């Protein structure tokens, strides 16, 4: 049976100029340098789909000629960029190491490390861009505490055996399905779970500096009163909440409440509430089409001091709320 033409890409670009190719991928991954050996032979193509809940982009990219992408302290990516060649190969230079990548091994470019990725002209690759704020959010949920250091992955991912190979097969299937039909994946609650599972799978499949703690933490069950307090906060986050309300919901005194929240979640109860509300605002900006009034969204989630809200949002996600909205709107551009 013939497969239907692919009409469902959220993002599609075909560029013949280095500036245009770099600009397009900067919108996807963040600022970077692009060195094109033979500019006249550049034939850049990118087709991708956006999972909107956490702003993850899944798709395919090729340059048509040899290029080198440079990441430095001055050009930090805003995402983790993972790629697996379907044809051809690429090579990642990082910390004095040269890491070859072909159909059997993918690579991860982290947003806070200096590195260079040289891509052969015949390389067409599967690529996943996961926003730094999104992967940090999921990791903090798994660890049940704030991060104290940037997340760093082992840069080479096995695509033949083991858990990382399973992850790449899942990505490949997801990319095919998104390109054929968006009806199911555009259902917010389903798409949100798929995207979260994609990130959780990466964190569990690929060795990183939090792998040991993740294994230990996932074996620890939260006490019932912590679960009750957290459930109350999340269910009532759009309403005024005070400490007394949380105390009544979980049935323990305030001193004990602070102690167990610090122990198991790494935050005070009210700090947990603020962080949860900020995540909900971001989710609205990413998921709901037609949002224009950021102030109204913030106030709907309990932020009455808008200047303080904007500052706290930038601190948590590394960008202004308006930048989140503009970046998501920009990703709707078509070929």
Protein backbone atom coordinates (compact mmCIF):
# COMPACT_ATOMS: atom_id res chain seq x y z
CA UNK A 1 0.00 0.00 0.00
CA UNK A 2 1.35 3.44 -0.92
CA UNK A 3 1.94 5.82 1.96
CA UNK A 4 0.18 9.16 1.67
CA UNK A 5 2.20 12.30 1.00
CA UNK A 6 3.43 13.95 4.17
CA UNK A 7 1.37 17.06 4.73
CA UNK A 8 1.44 17.32 8.49
CA UNK A 9 4.76 19.00 9.30
CA UNK A 10 4.45 21.91 11.73
CA UNK A 11 7.78 23.19 10.44
CA UNK A 12 9.33 22.97 6.99
CA UNK A 13 12.26 24.86 5.48
CA UNK A 14 14.34 24.66 2.32
CA UNK A 15 17.26 27.12 2.23
CA UNK A 16 20.22 27.63 -0.08
CA UNK A 17 22.00 30.38 1.91
CA UNK A 18 24.04 29.80 5.12
CA UNK A 19 22.43 32.77 6.91
CA UNK A 20 18.96 31.42 6.23
CA UNK A 21 19.85 27.90 7.37
CA UNK A 22 21.52 29.17 10.53
CA UNK A 23 18.61 31.49 11.33
CA UNK A 24 16.07 28.69 10.91
CA UNK A 25 17.93 26.26 13.16
CA UNK A 26 18.59 29.03 15.70
CA UNK A 27 14.81 29.31 16.11
CA UNK A 28 14.69 25.56 16.75
CA UNK A 29 17.77 25.04 18.93
CA UNK A 30 19.23 28.43 19.85
CA UNK A 31 22.24 30.47 18.69
CA UNK A 32 25.20 28.69 17.08
CA UNK A 33 27.93 29.18 14.50
CA UNK A 34 27.60 27.57 11.07
CA UNK A 35 30.63 27.04 8.82
CA UNK A 36 29.76 25.89 5.28
CA UNK A 37 32.74 24.58 3.31
CA UNK A 38 31.13 25.15 -0.11
CA UNK A 39 28.29 27.68 0.30
CA UNK A 40 27.23 27.31 -3.33
CA UNK A 41 26.36 23.66 -2.72
CA UNK A 42 24.27 24.21 0.42
CA UNK A 43 20.86 22.53 0.18
CA UNK A 44 19.45 22.80 3.71
CA UNK A 45 16.18 21.04 4.45
CA UNK A 46 14.35 20.63 7.73
CA UNK A 47 10.96 19.03 8.37
CA UNK A 48 9.68 18.82 11.93
CA UNK A 49 6.73 18.60 14.26
CA UNK A 50 6.29 20.29 17.63
CA UNK A 51 5.03 18.56 20.75
CA UNK A 52 3.65 21.68 22.33
CA UNK A 53 3.36 20.86 26.03
CA UNK A 54 7.12 20.98 26.58
CA UNK A 55 8.08 22.54 23.22
CA UNK A 56 9.95 19.49 21.88
CA UNK A 57 10.71 19.37 18.12
CA UNK A 58 11.00 16.00 16.34
CA UNK A 59 12.00 15.84 12.67
CA UNK A 60 14.67 15.35 10.00
CA UNK A 61 17.42 17.68 8.81
CA UNK A 62 20.11 17.71 6.10
CA UNK A 63 22.52 20.32 4.71
CA UNK A 64 23.51 18.84 1.34
CA UNK A 65 27.18 19.76 1.81
CA UNK A 66 29.82 19.49 4.54
CA UNK A 67 29.12 21.88 7.43
CA UNK A 68 30.41 22.43 10.96
CA UNK A 69 28.15 23.68 13.76
CA UNK A 70 29.94 25.40 16.62
CA UNK A 71 28.63 25.80 20.16
CA UNK A 72 30.50 28.02 22.62
CA UNK A 73 29.92 29.79 25.93
CA UNK A 74 28.85 32.85 23.94
CA UNK A 75 26.35 30.89 21.80
CA UNK A 76 24.56 28.69 24.31
CA UNK A 77 21.82 26.53 22.86
CA UNK A 78 18.44 26.72 24.56
CA UNK A 79 17.90 22.99 24.11
CA UNK A 80 19.45 19.54 24.13
CA UNK A 81 19.90 18.58 20.46
CA UNK A 82 19.94 14.84 19.74
CA UNK A 83 20.59 13.47 16.26
CA UNK A 84 20.96 10.08 14.60
CA UNK A 85 22.10 9.81 10.96
CA UNK A 86 19.76 7.89 8.67
CA UNK A 87 22.33 8.19 5.87
CA UNK A 88 25.92 9.44 5.97
CA UNK A 89 27.74 10.36 9.16
CA UNK A 90 28.80 13.18 11.46
CA UNK A 91 31.54 13.76 14.05
CA UNK A 92 31.33 15.54 17.40
CA UNK A 93 34.47 17.21 18.79
CA UNK A 94 34.17 17.75 22.53
CA UNK A 95 36.71 18.08 25.34
CA UNK A 96 39.52 16.72 23.17
CA UNK A 97 37.46 13.73 22.01
CA UNK A 98 36.34 12.96 18.45
CA UNK A 99 33.07 11.02 18.53
CA UNK A 100 31.83 9.41 15.32
CA UNK A 101 28.11 9.21 14.68
CA UNK A 102 26.36 7.12 12.01
CA UNK A 103 23.29 4.87 11.82
CA UNK A 104 24.57 2.91 14.82
CA UNK A 105 25.32 5.81 17.18
CA UNK A 106 23.55 9.11 17.78
CA UNK A 107 25.00 12.12 19.58
CA UNK A 108 23.75 14.66 22.12
CA UNK A 109 24.76 18.31 21.99
CA UNK A 110 24.26 19.85 25.42
CA UNK A 111 23.41 23.56 25.74
CA UNK A 112 26.16 24.57 28.17
CA UNK A 113 29.30 22.93 26.76
CA UNK A 114 31.78 24.00 24.07
CA UNK A 115 31.72 21.59 21.10
CA UNK A 116 31.73 21.28 17.32
CA UNK A 117 29.60 19.00 15.18
CA UNK A 118 30.86 18.31 11.65
CA UNK A 119 28.12 16.97 9.37
CA UNK A 120 28.92 15.26 6.05
CA UNK A 121 27.13 16.47 2.94
CA UNK A 122 25.35 13.15 2.44
CA UNK A 123 24.10 13.04 6.04
CA UNK A 124 20.33 13.06 6.52
CA UNK A 125 19.45 12.67 10.17
CA UNK A 126 16.67 12.26 12.66
CA UNK A 127 16.78 15.14 15.14
CA UNK A 128 15.11 15.87 18.46
CA UNK A 129 15.37 19.28 20.14
CA UNK A 130 14.26 19.29 23.79
CA UNK A 131 14.11 22.68 25.51
CA UNK A 132 16.52 22.97 28.42
CA UNK A 133 13.74 24.26 30.70
CA UNK A 134 11.53 21.30 29.77
CA UNK A 135 14.07 18.58 30.46
CA UNK A 136 15.04 20.29 33.74
CA UNK A 137 11.36 20.41 34.71
CA UNK A 138 10.88 16.67 34.13
CA UNK A 139 14.17 15.81 35.85
CA UNK A 140 13.20 17.86 38.91
CA UNK A 141 9.87 16.04 39.05
CA UNK A 142 11.65 12.69 39.01
CA UNK A 143 14.25 13.76 41.58
CA UNK A 144 11.62 15.63 43.62
CA UNK A 145 14.05 18.47 44.21
CA UNK A 146 15.62 21.44 42.37
CA UNK A 147 18.75 20.79 40.33
CA UNK A 148 22.08 21.86 41.80
CA UNK A 149 24.15 21.42 38.62
CA UNK A 150 23.50 21.44 34.86
CA UNK A 151 22.37 18.13 33.37
CA UNK A 152 25.21 16.51 31.38
CA UNK A 153 24.72 13.41 29.23
CA UNK A 154 27.27 10.95 27.95
CA UNK A 155 27.37 12.37 24.38
CA UNK A 156 27.20 9.13 22.35
CA UNK A 157 23.93 7.15 22.22
CA UNK A 158 23.89 3.51 21.09
CA UNK A 159 21.19 3.09 18.43
CA UNK A 160 21.56 -0.69 18.05
CA UNK A 161 21.35 -2.24 21.51
CA UNK A 162 20.06 -1.40 24.95
CA UNK A 163 17.72 1.21 26.37
CA UNK A 164 19.07 4.07 24.24
CA UNK A 165 18.37 2.04 21.07
CA UNK A 166 14.79 1.55 22.26
CA UNK A 167 14.54 5.32 22.73
CA UNK A 168 15.68 5.99 19.15
CA UNK A 169 13.19 3.46 17.77
CA UNK A 170 10.44 5.23 19.71
CA UNK A 171 11.54 8.58 18.25
CA UNK A 172 11.60 7.18 14.73
CA UNK A 173 8.09 5.77 15.10
CA UNK A 174 6.83 9.01 16.64
CA UNK A 175 8.32 11.07 13.81
CA UNK A 176 6.59 8.87 11.21
CA UNK A 177 3.26 9.04 13.00
CA UNK A 178 3.38 12.82 13.48
CA UNK A 179 4.09 13.26 9.77
CA UNK A 180 1.13 11.08 8.76
CA UNK A 181 -1.58 12.33 11.10
CA UNK A 182 -1.76 14.79 14.03
CA UNK A 183 -5.32 14.04 15.17
CA UNK A 184 -4.36 11.95 18.20
CA UNK A 185 -1.18 13.81 19.13
CA UNK A 186 -2.95 17.18 19.07
CA UNK A 187 -5.14 16.01 21.95
CA UNK A 188 -3.47 17.96 24.77
CA UNK A 189 -3.60 15.34 27.50
CA UNK A 190 -2.34 12.56 25.24
CA UNK A 191 0.37 14.66 23.60
CA UNK A 192 1.52 15.90 26.99
CA UNK A 193 2.01 12.36 28.28
CA UNK A 194 3.82 11.25 25.12
CA UNK A 195 6.22 14.19 25.36
CA UNK A 196 6.85 13.62 29.06
CA UNK A 197 7.48 9.92 28.39
CA UNK A 198 9.97 10.84 25.66
CA UNK A 199 11.97 12.99 28.07
CA UNK A 200 11.73 10.52 30.95
CA UNK A 201 12.88 7.75 28.64
CA UNK A 202 15.93 9.78 27.63
CA UNK A 203 16.83 10.54 31.26
CA UNK A 204 16.57 6.86 32.20
CA UNK A 205 18.12 5.38 29.04
CA UNK A 206 21.17 7.61 28.56
CA UNK A 207 23.88 7.88 31.28
CA UNK A 208 24.10 11.33 32.82
CA UNK A 209 25.35 13.01 35.98
CA UNK A 210 22.01 12.36 37.73
CA UNK A 211 21.65 8.69 36.76
CA UNK A 212 22.70 7.30 40.14
CA UNK A 213 20.39 9.56 42.09
CA UNK A 214 17.53 8.83 39.69
CA UNK A 215 17.88 5.09 40.30
CA UNK A 216 17.79 5.63 44.06
CA UNK A 217 15.00 8.19 44.01
CA UNK A 218 12.67 6.09 41.87
CA UNK A 219 12.81 3.40 44.55
CA UNK A 220 11.66 5.84 47.26
CA UNK A 221 7.93 6.25 47.88
CA UNK A 222 6.72 9.59 49.19
CA UNK A 223 4.96 9.52 52.59
CA UNK A 224 1.18 9.74 52.28
CA UNK A 225 1.04 13.18 53.93
CA UNK A 226 3.51 14.62 51.39
CA UNK A 227 1.44 13.14 48.58
CA UNK A 228 -1.72 14.64 50.11
CA UNK A 229 -0.13 18.09 50.47
CA UNK A 230 1.20 18.05 46.93
CA UNK A 231 -2.12 16.89 45.49
CA UNK A 232 -3.95 19.67 47.36
CA UNK A 233 -1.54 22.33 46.07
CA UNK A 234 -1.80 21.16 42.46
CA UNK A 235 -5.60 20.83 42.57
CA UNK A 236 -6.06 24.33 44.02
CA UNK A 237 -3.19 26.21 42.39
CA UNK A 238 -5.52 28.70 40.69
CA UNK A 239 -7.12 29.64 44.02
CA UNK A 240 -5.64 31.58 46.94
CA UNK A 241 -3.76 29.10 49.15
CA UNK A 242 -2.10 29.68 52.50
CA UNK A 243 -0.01 27.43 54.72
CA UNK A 244 -2.96 26.72 57.00
CA UNK A 245 -4.85 25.25 54.05
CA UNK A 246 -1.98 22.90 53.24
CA UNK A 247 -1.63 21.90 56.90
CA UNK A 248 -5.31 20.94 57.05
CA UNK A 249 -5.07 19.02 53.77
CA UNK A 250 -2.22 16.77 54.92
CA UNK A 251 -2.93 16.66 58.67
CA UNK A 252 0.52 17.51 60.00
CA UNK A 253 1.77 20.61 61.88
CA UNK A 254 3.60 23.41 60.09
CA UNK A 255 7.06 22.54 61.44
CA UNK A 256 6.68 18.96 60.21
CA UNK A 257 5.27 20.20 56.90
CA UNK A 258 8.37 22.32 56.23
CA UNK A 259 10.67 19.48 57.28
CA UNK A 260 9.16 16.84 54.99
CA UNK A 261 8.86 19.19 52.01
CA UNK A 262 12.53 20.10 52.31
CA UNK A 263 13.50 16.46 52.73
CA UNK A 264 11.47 14.96 49.88
CA UNK A 265 10.89 17.85 47.46
CA UNK A 266 13.77 20.21 48.20
CA UNK A 267 11.45 23.24 48.55
CA UNK A 268 9.17 24.88 51.06
CA UNK A 269 5.42 24.33 50.46
CA UNK A 270 4.87 27.86 49.15
CA UNK A 271 7.95 27.68 46.92
CA UNK A 272 6.57 24.42 45.49
CA UNK A 273 3.26 26.20 44.82
CA UNK A 274 5.00 29.07 43.00
CA UNK A 275 7.06 26.72 40.88
CA UNK A 276 4.00 24.67 39.98
CA UNK A 277 2.09 27.82 38.98
CA UNK A 278 4.97 29.01 36.78
CA UNK A 279 5.04 25.64 35.02
CA UNK A 280 1.29 25.89 34.43
CA UNK A 281 1.63 29.38 32.92
CA UNK A 282 4.31 28.10 30.56
CA UNK A 283 2.12 25.17 29.58
CA UNK A 284 -0.72 27.54 28.68
CA UNK A 285 1.62 29.69 26.56
CA UNK A 286 2.89 26.62 24.72
CA UNK A 287 -0.33 24.65 24.34
CA UNK A 288 -3.24 27.04 23.89
CA UNK A 289 -3.53 28.68 20.46
CA UNK A 290 -4.42 32.33 20.23
CA UNK A 291 -3.00 33.39 23.61
CA UNK A 292 -2.11 37.09 23.49
CA UNK A 293 -2.58 38.46 27.01
CA UNK A 294 0.24 37.02 29.12
CA UNK A 295 -0.75 39.16 32.10
CA UNK A 296 -4.23 37.61 32.14
CA UNK A 297 -2.74 34.11 32.10
CA UNK A 298 -0.37 34.99 34.95
CA UNK A 299 -3.15 36.46 37.05
CA UNK A 300 -5.33 33.43 36.35
CA UNK A 301 -2.60 31.36 38.03
CA UNK A 302 -2.32 33.56 41.10
CA UNK A 303 0.42 36.04 40.12
CA UNK A 304 -0.82 39.47 41.12
CA UNK A 305 2.54 41.28 40.93
CA UNK A 306 3.32 41.09 37.21
CA UNK A 307 6.85 42.51 37.40
CA UNK A 308 7.80 39.90 39.99
CA UNK A 309 6.10 37.20 37.90
CA UNK A 310 8.16 38.10 34.81
CA UNK A 311 11.38 38.04 36.84
CA UNK A 312 10.58 34.66 38.41
CA UNK A 313 9.53 33.21 35.05
CA UNK A 314 12.81 34.27 33.46
CA UNK A 315 14.78 32.84 36.39
CA UNK A 316 13.05 29.45 36.14
CA UNK A 317 12.93 29.03 32.35
CA UNK A 318 15.82 31.17 31.12
CA UNK A 319 13.59 33.37 28.93
CA UNK A 320 10.84 35.96 29.26
CA UNK A 321 7.22 34.75 28.96
CA UNK A 322 6.89 36.81 25.77
CA UNK A 323 9.87 34.92 24.29
CA UNK A 324 8.16 31.58 25.03
CA UNK A 325 5.07 32.77 23.21
CA UNK A 326 6.96 34.26 20.25
CA UNK A 327 9.17 31.20 19.83
CA UNK A 328 6.17 28.89 19.76
CA UNK A 329 4.31 31.10 17.28
CA UNK A 330 7.42 31.28 15.08
CA UNK A 331 7.61 27.50 14.85
CA UNK A 332 4.38 27.47 12.90
CA UNK A 333 6.16 28.90 9.85
CA UNK A 334 5.84 26.78 6.72
CA UNK A 335 7.98 26.20 3.65
